Structures are given as structure tokens and as C-alpha cells.
C-alpha atoms as a PDB file:
ATOM      1  CA  MET A   1     -86.277  21.672 191.131  1.00  0.00           C
ATOM      2  CA  LEU A   2     -89.555  20.301 189.770  1.00  0.00           C
ATOM      3  CA  MET A   3     -91.366  21.809 186.796  1.00  0.00           C
ATOM      4  CA  SER A   4     -94.771  20.846 185.484  1.00  0.00           C
ATOM      5  CA  VAL A   5     -96.257  21.250 182.075  1.00  0.00           C
ATOM      6  CA  SER A   6     -99.908  20.451 181.523  1.00  0.00           C
ATOM      7  CA  ALA A   7    -101.941  20.265 178.224  1.00  0.00           C
ATOM      8  CA  CYS A   8    -105.145  18.920 176.815  1.00  0.00           C
ATOM      9  CA  VAL A   9    -104.340  17.237 173.548  1.00  0.00           C
ATOM     10  CA  ALA A  10    -106.472  15.474 171.004  1.00  0.00           C
ATOM     11  CA  PHE A  11    -105.246  13.605 167.856  1.00  0.00           C
ATOM     12  CA  ASP A  12    -106.709  12.482 164.528  1.00  0.00           C
ATOM     13  CA  MET A  13    -109.870  14.537 164.625  1.00  0.00           C
ATOM     14  CA  PRO A  14    -111.580  16.094 161.677  1.00  0.00           C
ATOM     15  CA  ASP A  15    -111.404  19.845 161.656  1.00  0.00           C
ATOM     16  CA  ALA A  16    -108.480  19.807 164.137  1.00  0.00           C
ATOM     17  CA  VAL A  17    -106.528  23.035 164.822  1.00  0.00           C
ATOM     18  CA  GLU A  18    -102.897  22.822 165.875  1.00  0.00           C
ATOM     19  CA  ARG A  19    -100.981  25.203 168.072  1.00  0.00           C
ATOM     20  CA  THR A  20     -97.325  24.773 169.056  1.00  0.00           C
ATOM     21  CA  MET A  21     -95.282  26.050 172.031  1.00  0.00           C
ATOM     22  CA  SER A  22     -91.557  25.682 172.874  1.00  0.00           C
ATOM     23  CA  ARG A  23     -89.897  26.594 176.157  1.00  0.00           C
ATOM     24  CA  THR A  24     -86.431  25.990 177.546  1.00  0.00           C
ATOM     25  CA  PHE A  25     -85.722  25.734 181.258  1.00  0.00           C
ATOM     26  CA  THR A  26     -82.378  26.052 183.011  1.00  0.00           C
ATOM     27  CA  VAL A  27     -82.115  23.261 185.569  1.00  0.00           C
ATOM     28  CA  ARG A  28     -79.870  22.073 188.271  1.00  0.00           C
ATOM     29  CA  PRO A  29     -78.545  18.425 188.456  1.00  0.00           C
ATOM     30  CA  ASN A  30     -81.045  15.787 189.510  1.00  0.00           C
ATOM     31  CA  SER A  31     -84.080  18.010 188.484  1.00  0.00           C
ATOM     32  CA  GLN A  32     -87.330  16.449 187.340  1.00  0.00           C
ATOM     33  CA  LEU A  33     -89.858  17.370 184.767  1.00  0.00           C
ATOM     34  CA  ARG A  34     -93.422  16.368 185.379  1.00  0.00           C
ATOM     35  CA  VAL A  35     -95.790  16.454 182.338  1.00  0.00           C
ATOM     36  CA  ASN A  36     -99.572  15.893 182.728  1.00  0.00           C
ATOM     37  CA  ILE A  37    -101.673  15.574 179.519  1.00  0.00           C
ATOM     38  CA  ARG A  38    -105.145  14.204 178.701  1.00  0.00           C
ATOM     39  CA  GLY A  39    -104.614  12.030 175.694  1.00  0.00           C
ATOM     40  CA  GLY A  40    -101.820  12.081 173.227  1.00  0.00           C
ATOM     41  CA  SER A  41     -98.214  10.911 173.701  1.00  0.00           C
ATOM     42  CA  ILE A  42     -94.901  12.011 175.271  1.00  0.00           C
ATOM     43  CA  SER A  43     -91.525  11.454 173.706  1.00  0.00           C
ATOM     44  CA  THR A  44     -88.118  12.336 175.187  1.00  0.00           C
ATOM     45  CA  GLN A  45     -84.515  12.704 174.073  1.00  0.00           C
ATOM     46  CA  THR A  46     -81.426  13.672 175.649  1.00  0.00           C
ATOM     47  CA  GLY A  47     -80.129  17.268 175.088  1.00  0.00           C
ATOM     48  CA  GLU A  48     -77.716  19.848 176.450  1.00  0.00           C
ATOM     49  CA  PRO A  49     -76.656  19.431 180.132  1.00  0.00           C
ATOM     50  CA  GLY A  50     -78.296  21.959 182.454  1.00  0.00           C
ATOM     51  CA  SER A  51     -81.449  22.596 180.488  1.00  0.00           C
ATOM     52  CA  ILE A  52     -84.793  21.002 179.620  1.00  0.00           C
ATOM     53  CA  ARG A  53     -86.611  21.978 176.338  1.00  0.00           C
ATOM     54  CA  VAL A  54     -90.373  21.304 175.978  1.00  0.00           C
ATOM     55  CA  ASP A  55     -91.932  21.242 172.677  1.00  0.00           C
ATOM     56  CA  LEU A  56     -95.717  20.948 172.824  1.00  0.00           C
ATOM     57  CA  ILE A  57     -98.087  20.394 169.847  1.00  0.00           C
ATOM     58  CA  GLU A  58    -101.589  20.865 170.874  1.00  0.00           C
ATOM     59  CA  ARG A  59    -104.363  19.517 168.407  1.00  0.00           C
ATOM     60  CA  VAL A  60    -107.937  20.361 169.293  1.00  0.00           C
ATOM     61  CA  HIS A  61    -111.197  19.590 167.584  1.00  0.00           C
ATOM     62  CA  ALA A  62    -112.215  23.028 166.428  1.00  0.00           C
ATOM     63  CA  LYS A  63    -112.813  24.933 163.133  1.00  0.00           C
ATOM     64  CA  SER A  64    -110.594  28.006 164.186  1.00  0.00           C
ATOM     65  CA  GLU A  65    -108.072  28.990 166.821  1.00  0.00           C
ATOM     66  CA  GLN A  66    -110.677  31.175 168.474  1.00  0.00           C
ATOM     67  CA  GLN A  67    -112.781  28.085 169.167  1.00  0.00           C
ATOM     68  CA  MET A  68    -109.797  26.413 170.817  1.00  0.00           C
ATOM     69  CA  ASP A  69    -109.718  28.938 173.644  1.00  0.00           C
END
């Protein structure tokens, strides 16, 4: 099983707006998670067997959430 998460992330910008998302996937042994981002960083830690949890923090140079979209 292969899952992909993509995001466009910008950090340390004036007038940055932040949005968060969390999602948990049930996985089989030897599953892989592929994450594609433009800028930013990725950190990982071990968790419960049989699941992958993704916590995404998106920071975009915008004055409001409406401008983010």
C-alpha cells in the first residue's frame, strides 16, 4: 500500500496564515508513505503498529484564509 500526501508550505513569512490537518491511515505491514512538499520540513516518529498519522501544518503568505485558497 502506498499513500501520498502533498502540500505547498512556506515558513517565516510576514502576514502568514496557518492551517492544520490531521489524518490517520490504517496500513498493512511494509506499507510506505510518500510525502511531496514544496519547501518546509518533514519530521517522523514511531507510533501505533498498523497505522500512519499525518499532521500537516500549512503556512502561506496571505492576509486571510480566503487568500490562501
